[in-house]
Amino acid sequence: MRNELSDRQHAIRMRLAGETVATIYRTLQRSDAWVRKWWHRYLNAGGEGLYDLSRAHPMRLW
């Protein structure tokens, strides 16, 4: 079973170490789009960007 967060963190560590996107997606057996998505999320939000976003509807407080 895959650990999504662990794969995301591994991809970011590889990218920060200078690995190419192609090397990362081949190593992790993911798609080019997957690597780019998580790299951009990391650049925009840091490590917190690697967590899943909530899909729950916001609660109304009234």
PDB file of N, CA and C in Angstrom:
ATOM      1  N   MET A   1       0.843  -1.187   0.000  1.00  0.00           N
ATOM      2  CA  MET A   1       0.000   0.000   0.000  1.00  0.00           C
ATOM      3  C   MET A   1       0.884   1.245   0.000  1.00  0.00           C
ATOM      4  N   ARG A   2       0.519   2.189  -0.792  1.00  0.00           N
ATOM      5  CA  ARG A   2       1.274   3.433  -0.922  1.00  0.00           C
ATOM      6  C   ARG A   2       0.917   4.422   0.169  1.00  0.00           C
ATOM      7  N   ASN A   3       1.910   5.190   0.571  1.00  0.00           N
ATOM      8  CA  ASN A   3       1.683   6.287   1.497  1.00  0.00           C
ATOM      9  C   ASN A   3       1.843   7.570   0.689  1.00  0.00           C
ATOM     10  N   GLU A   4       0.723   8.197   0.383  1.00  0.00           N
ATOM     11  CA  GLU A   4       0.721   9.379  -0.475  1.00  0.00           C
ATOM     12  C   GLU A   4       1.623  10.492   0.054  1.00  0.00           C
ATOM     13  N   LEU A   5       1.467  10.824   1.323  1.00  0.00           N
ATOM     14  CA  LEU A   5       2.248  11.910   1.895  1.00  0.00           C
ATOM     15  C   LEU A   5       3.740  11.606   1.812  1.00  0.00           C
ATOM     16  N   SER A   6       4.109  10.384   2.103  1.00  0.00           N
ATOM     17  CA  SER A   6       5.510   9.983   2.031  1.00  0.00           C
ATOM     18  C   SER A   6       6.056  10.121   0.607  1.00  0.00           C
ATOM     19  N   ASP A   7       5.262   9.713  -0.383  1.00  0.00           N
ATOM     20  CA  ASP A   7       5.676   9.862  -1.784  1.00  0.00           C
ATOM     21  C   ASP A   7       5.844  11.338  -2.149  1.00  0.00           C
ATOM     22  N   ARG A   8       4.932  12.163  -1.685  1.00  0.00           N
ATOM     23  CA  ARG A   8       5.014  13.604  -1.975  1.00  0.00           C
ATOM     24  C   ARG A   8       6.285  14.205  -1.373  1.00  0.00           C
ATOM     25  N   GLN A   9       6.547  13.852  -0.119  1.00  0.00           N
ATOM     26  CA  GLN A   9       7.741  14.360   0.554  1.00  0.00           C
ATOM     27  C   GLN A   9       9.012  13.872  -0.133  1.00  0.00           C
ATOM     28  N   HIS A  10       9.014  12.617  -0.551  1.00  0.00           N
ATOM     29  CA  HIS A  10      10.172  12.060  -1.249  1.00  0.00           C
ATOM     30  C   HIS A  10      10.401  12.806  -2.563  1.00  0.00           C
ATOM     31  N   ALA A  11       9.334  13.075  -3.294  1.00  0.00           N
ATOM     32  CA  ALA A  11       9.437  13.811  -4.558  1.00  0.00           C
ATOM     33  C   ALA A  11      10.034  15.198  -4.332  1.00  0.00           C
ATOM     34  N   ILE A  12       9.590  15.876  -3.295  1.00  0.00           N
ATOM     35  CA  ILE A  12      10.095  17.223  -3.007  1.00  0.00           C
ATOM     36  C   ILE A  12      11.564  17.168  -2.606  1.00  0.00           C
ATOM     37  N   ARG A  13      11.938  16.212  -1.769  1.00  0.00           N
ATOM     38  CA  ARG A  13      13.349  16.077  -1.391  1.00  0.00           C
ATOM     39  C   ARG A  13      14.219  15.824  -2.623  1.00  0.00           C
ATOM     40  N   MET A  14      13.739  14.979  -3.521  1.00  0.00           N
ATOM     41  CA  MET A  14      14.491  14.697  -4.746  1.00  0.00           C
ATOM     42  C   MET A  14      14.636  15.960  -5.594  1.00  0.00           C
ATOM     43  N   ARG A  15      13.550  16.717  -5.717  1.00  0.00           N
ATOM     44  CA  ARG A  15      13.581  17.941  -6.537  1.00  0.00           C
ATOM     45  C   ARG A  15      14.527  18.970  -5.924  1.00  0.00           C
ATOM     46  N   LEU A  16      14.479  19.112  -4.618  1.00  0.00           N
ATOM     47  CA  LEU A  16      15.365  20.056  -3.934  1.00  0.00           C
ATOM     48  C   LEU A  16      16.830  19.635  -4.068  1.00  0.00           C
ATOM     49  N   ALA A  17      17.058  18.341  -4.236  1.00  0.00           N
ATOM     50  CA  ALA A  17      18.419  17.824  -4.415  1.00  0.00           C
ATOM     51  C   ALA A  17      18.896  17.974  -5.861  1.00  0.00           C
ATOM     52  N   GLY A  18      18.023  18.504  -6.734  1.00  0.00           N
ATOM     53  CA  GLY A  18      18.426  18.766  -8.106  1.00  0.00           C
ATOM     54  C   GLY A  18      18.014  17.727  -9.126  1.00  0.00           C
ATOM     55  N   GLU A  19      17.233  16.740  -8.696  1.00  0.00           N
ATOM     56  CA  GLU A  19      16.769  15.722  -9.641  1.00  0.00           C
ATOM     57  C   GLU A  19      15.759  16.333 -10.616  1.00  0.00           C
ATOM     58  N   THR A  20      15.732  15.800 -11.824  1.00  0.00           N
ATOM     59  CA  THR A  20      14.774  16.279 -12.821  1.00  0.00           C
ATOM     60  C   THR A  20      13.400  15.706 -12.529  1.00  0.00           C
ATOM     61  N   VAL A  21      12.383  16.366 -13.064  1.00  0.00           N
ATOM     62  CA  VAL A  21      11.012  15.880 -12.908  1.00  0.00           C
ATOM     63  C   VAL A  21      10.895  14.481 -13.495  1.00  0.00           C
ATOM     64  N   ALA A  22      11.511  14.251 -14.646  1.00  0.00           N
ATOM     65  CA  ALA A  22      11.440  12.932 -15.293  1.00  0.00           C
ATOM     66  C   ALA A  22      12.039  11.842 -14.405  1.00  0.00           C
ATOM     67  N   THR A  23      13.154  12.117 -13.784  1.00  0.00           N
ATOM     68  CA  THR A  23      13.776  11.136 -12.890  1.00  0.00           C
ATOM     69  C   THR A  23      12.863  10.837 -11.707  1.00  0.00           C
ATOM     70  N   ILE A  24      12.233  11.872 -11.184  1.00  0.00           N
ATOM     71  CA  ILE A  24      11.356  11.699 -10.025  1.00  0.00           C
ATOM     72  C   ILE A  24      10.149  10.853 -10.382  1.00  0.00           C
ATOM     73  N   TYR A  25       9.467  11.172 -11.482  1.00  0.00           N
ATOM     74  CA  TYR A  25       8.261  10.404 -11.776  1.00  0.00           C
ATOM     75  C   TYR A  25       8.571   8.975 -12.182  1.00  0.00           C
ATOM     76  N   ARG A  26       9.706   8.753 -12.773  1.00  0.00           N
ATOM     77  CA  ARG A  26      10.092   7.368 -13.089  1.00  0.00           C
ATOM     78  C   ARG A  26      10.440   6.595 -11.818  1.00  0.00           C
ATOM     79  N   THR A  27      11.185   7.223 -10.923  1.00  0.00           N
ATOM     80  CA  THR A  27      11.586   6.578  -9.677  1.00  0.00           C
ATOM     81  C   THR A  27      10.375   6.223  -8.809  1.00  0.00           C
ATOM     82  N   LEU A  28       9.450   7.168  -8.698  1.00  0.00           N
ATOM     83  CA  LEU A  28       8.286   6.961  -7.838  1.00  0.00           C
ATOM     84  C   LEU A  28       7.118   6.304  -8.563  1.00  0.00           C
ATOM     85  N   GLN A  29       7.292   6.049  -9.851  1.00  0.00           N
ATOM     86  CA  GLN A  29       6.245   5.453 -10.676  1.00  0.00           C
ATOM     87  C   GLN A  29       4.956   6.266 -10.608  1.00  0.00           C
ATOM     88  N   ARG A  30       5.130   7.551 -10.822  1.00  0.00           N
ATOM     89  CA  ARG A  30       4.019   8.503 -10.850  1.00  0.00           C
ATOM     90  C   ARG A  30       4.019   9.196 -12.202  1.00  0.00           C
ATOM     91  N   SER A  31       3.077  10.088 -12.417  1.00  0.00           N
ATOM     92  CA  SER A  31       3.011  10.813 -13.682  1.00  0.00           C
ATOM     93  C   SER A  31       3.757  12.140 -13.581  1.00  0.00           C
ATOM     94  N   ASP A  32       4.077  12.674 -14.736  1.00  0.00           N
ATOM     95  CA  ASP A  32       4.691  13.996 -14.813  1.00  0.00           C
ATOM     96  C   ASP A  32       3.788  15.025 -14.140  1.00  0.00           C
ATOM     97  N   ALA A  33       2.499  14.952 -14.430  1.00  0.00           N
ATOM     98  CA  ALA A  33       1.541  15.908 -13.855  1.00  0.00           C
ATOM     99  C   ALA A  33       1.497  15.807 -12.335  1.00  0.00           C
ATOM    100  N   TRP A  34       1.603  14.595 -11.787  1.00  0.00           N
ATOM    101  CA  TRP A  34       1.580  14.410 -10.340  1.00  0.00           C
ATOM    102  C   TRP A  34       2.770  15.124  -9.698  1.00  0.00           C
ATOM    103  N   VAL A  35       3.960  14.915 -10.261  1.00  0.00           N
ATOM    104  CA  VAL A  35       5.165  15.551  -9.706  1.00  0.00           C
ATOM    105  C   VAL A  35       5.041  17.061  -9.784  1.00  0.00           C
ATOM    106  N   ARG A  36       4.618  17.582 -10.915  1.00  0.00           N
ATOM    107  CA  ARG A  36       4.493  19.038 -11.078  1.00  0.00           C
ATOM    108  C   ARG A  36       3.443  19.630 -10.143  1.00  0.00           C
ATOM    109  N   LYS A  37       2.325  18.928  -9.966  1.00  0.00           N
ATOM    110  CA  LYS A  37       1.272  19.405  -9.057  1.00  0.00           C
ATOM    111  C   LYS A  37       1.829  19.604  -7.654  1.00  0.00           C
ATOM    112  N   TRP A  38       2.515  18.571  -7.130  1.00  0.00           N
ATOM    113  CA  TRP A  38       2.990  18.654  -5.761  1.00  0.00           C
ATOM    114  C   TRP A  38       4.173  19.596  -5.628  1.00  0.00           C
ATOM    115  N   TRP A  39       4.978  19.758  -6.646  1.00  0.00           N
ATOM    116  CA  TRP A  39       6.074  20.727  -6.617  1.00  0.00           C
ATOM    117  C   TRP A  39       5.503  22.142  -6.525  1.00  0.00           C
ATOM    118  N   HIS A  40       4.480  22.434  -7.323  1.00  0.00           N
ATOM    119  CA  HIS A  40       3.883  23.772  -7.286  1.00  0.00           C
ATOM    120  C   HIS A  40       3.157  24.024  -5.963  1.00  0.00           C
ATOM    121  N   ARG A  41       2.491  22.991  -5.451  1.00  0.00           N
ATOM    122  CA  ARG A  41       1.848  23.153  -4.144  1.00  0.00           C
ATOM    123  C   ARG A  41       2.903  23.432  -3.070  1.00  0.00           C
ATOM    124  N   TYR A  42       4.041  22.760  -3.141  1.00  0.00           N
ATOM    125  CA  TYR A  42       5.127  22.990  -2.192  1.00  0.00           C
ATOM    126  C   TYR A  42       5.673  24.409  -2.330  1.00  0.00           C
ATOM    127  N   LEU A  43       5.871  24.866  -3.551  1.00  0.00           N
ATOM    128  CA  LEU A  43       6.392  26.221  -3.756  1.00  0.00           C
ATOM    129  C   LEU A  43       5.431  27.280  -3.227  1.00  0.00           C
ATOM    130  N   ASN A  44       4.141  27.040  -3.354  1.00  0.00           N
ATOM    131  CA  ASN A  44       3.140  28.018  -2.922  1.00  0.00           C
ATOM    132  C   ASN A  44       2.843  27.975  -1.428  1.00  0.00           C
ATOM    133  N   ALA A  45       2.918  26.801  -0.823  1.00  0.00           N
ATOM    134  CA  ALA A  45       2.482  26.675   0.571  1.00  0.00           C
ATOM    135  C   ALA A  45       3.501  26.000   1.479  1.00  0.00           C
ATOM    136  N   GLY A  46       4.658  25.661   0.958  1.00  0.00           N
ATOM    137  CA  GLY A  46       5.650  24.976   1.776  1.00  0.00           C
ATOM    138  C   GLY A  46       5.212  23.558   2.091  1.00  0.00           C
ATOM    139  N   GLY A  47       5.759  23.013   3.144  1.00  0.00           N
ATOM    140  CA  GLY A  47       5.451  21.641   3.530  1.00  0.00           C
ATOM    141  C   GLY A  47       3.982  21.388   3.800  1.00  0.00           C
ATOM    142  N   GLU A  48       3.269  22.403   4.258  1.00  0.00           N
ATOM    143  CA  GLU A  48       1.833  22.257   4.520  1.00  0.00           C
ATOM    144  C   GLU A  48       1.052  21.992   3.238  1.00  0.00           C
ATOM    145  N   GLY A  49       1.599  22.422   2.104  1.00  0.00           N
ATOM    146  CA  GLY A  49       0.931  22.219   0.827  1.00  0.00           C
ATOM    147  C   GLY A  49       0.909  20.773   0.373  1.00  0.00           C
ATOM    148  N   LEU A  50       1.662  19.908   1.050  1.00  0.00           N
ATOM    149  CA  LEU A  50       1.716  18.505   0.667  1.00  0.00           C
ATOM    150  C   LEU A  50       0.580  17.678   1.264  1.00  0.00           C
ATOM    151  N   TYR A  51      -0.166  18.279   2.181  1.00  0.00           N
ATOM    152  CA  TYR A  51      -1.303  17.575   2.768  1.00  0.00           C
ATOM    153  C   TYR A  51      -2.525  17.728   1.872  1.00  0.00           C
ATOM    154  N   ASP A  52      -3.441  16.764   1.959  1.00  0.00           N
ATOM    155  CA  ASP A  52      -4.684  16.844   1.203  1.00  0.00           C
ATOM    156  C   ASP A  52      -5.501  18.037   1.671  1.00  0.00           C
ATOM    157  N   LEU A  53      -6.193  18.645   0.741  1.00  0.00           N
ATOM    158  CA  LEU A  53      -7.109  19.722   1.075  1.00  0.00           C
ATOM    159  C   LEU A  53      -8.445  19.109   1.472  1.00  0.00           C
ATOM    160  N   SER A  54      -9.125  19.731   2.400  1.00  0.00           N
ATOM    161  CA  SER A  54     -10.429  19.240   2.824  1.00  0.00           C
ATOM    162  C   SER A  54     -11.426  19.391   1.685  1.00  0.00           C
ATOM    163  N   ARG A  55     -12.262  18.388   1.524  1.00  0.00           N
ATOM    164  CA  ARG A  55     -13.320  18.447   0.518  1.00  0.00           C
ATOM    165  C   ARG A  55     -14.675  18.730   1.176  1.00  0.00           C
ATOM    166  N   ALA A  56     -14.656  18.918   2.483  1.00  0.00           N
ATOM    167  CA  ALA A  56     -15.895  19.174   3.211  1.00  0.00           C
ATOM    168  C   ALA A  56     -16.403  20.576   2.909  1.00  0.00           C
ATOM    169  N   HIS A  57     -17.706  20.699   2.902  1.00  0.00           N
ATOM    170  CA  HIS A  57     -18.306  22.013   2.710  1.00  0.00           C
ATOM    171  C   HIS A  57     -18.087  22.841   3.975  1.00  0.00           C
ATOM    172  N   PRO A  58     -17.832  24.138   3.809  1.00  0.00           N
ATOM    173  CA  PRO A  58     -17.642  24.984   5.000  1.00  0.00           C
ATOM    174  C   PRO A  58     -18.931  25.012   5.839  1.00  0.00           C
ATOM    175  N   MET A  59     -18.767  25.041   7.140  1.00  0.00           N
ATOM    176  CA  MET A  59     -19.907  25.095   8.033  1.00  0.00           C
ATOM    177  C   MET A  59     -20.469  26.507   8.095  1.00  0.00           C
ATOM    178  N   ARG A  60     -21.751  26.604   8.089  1.00  0.00           N
ATOM    179  CA  ARG A  60     -22.391  27.907   8.278  1.00  0.00           C
ATOM    180  C   ARG A  60     -22.600  28.127   9.764  1.00  0.00           C
ATOM    181  N   LEU A  61     -22.286  29.319  10.195  1.00  0.00           N
ATOM    182  CA  LEU A  61     -22.353  29.620  11.628  1.00  0.00           C
ATOM    183  C   LEU A  61     -23.604  30.406  12.012  1.00  0.00           C
ATOM    184  N   TRP A  62     -24.606  30.379  11.189  1.00  0.00           N
ATOM    185  CA  TRP A  62     -25.827  31.109  11.536  1.00  0.00           C
ATOM    186  C   TRP A  62     -27.028  30.237  11.484  1.00  0.00           C
TER     187      TRP A  62
END
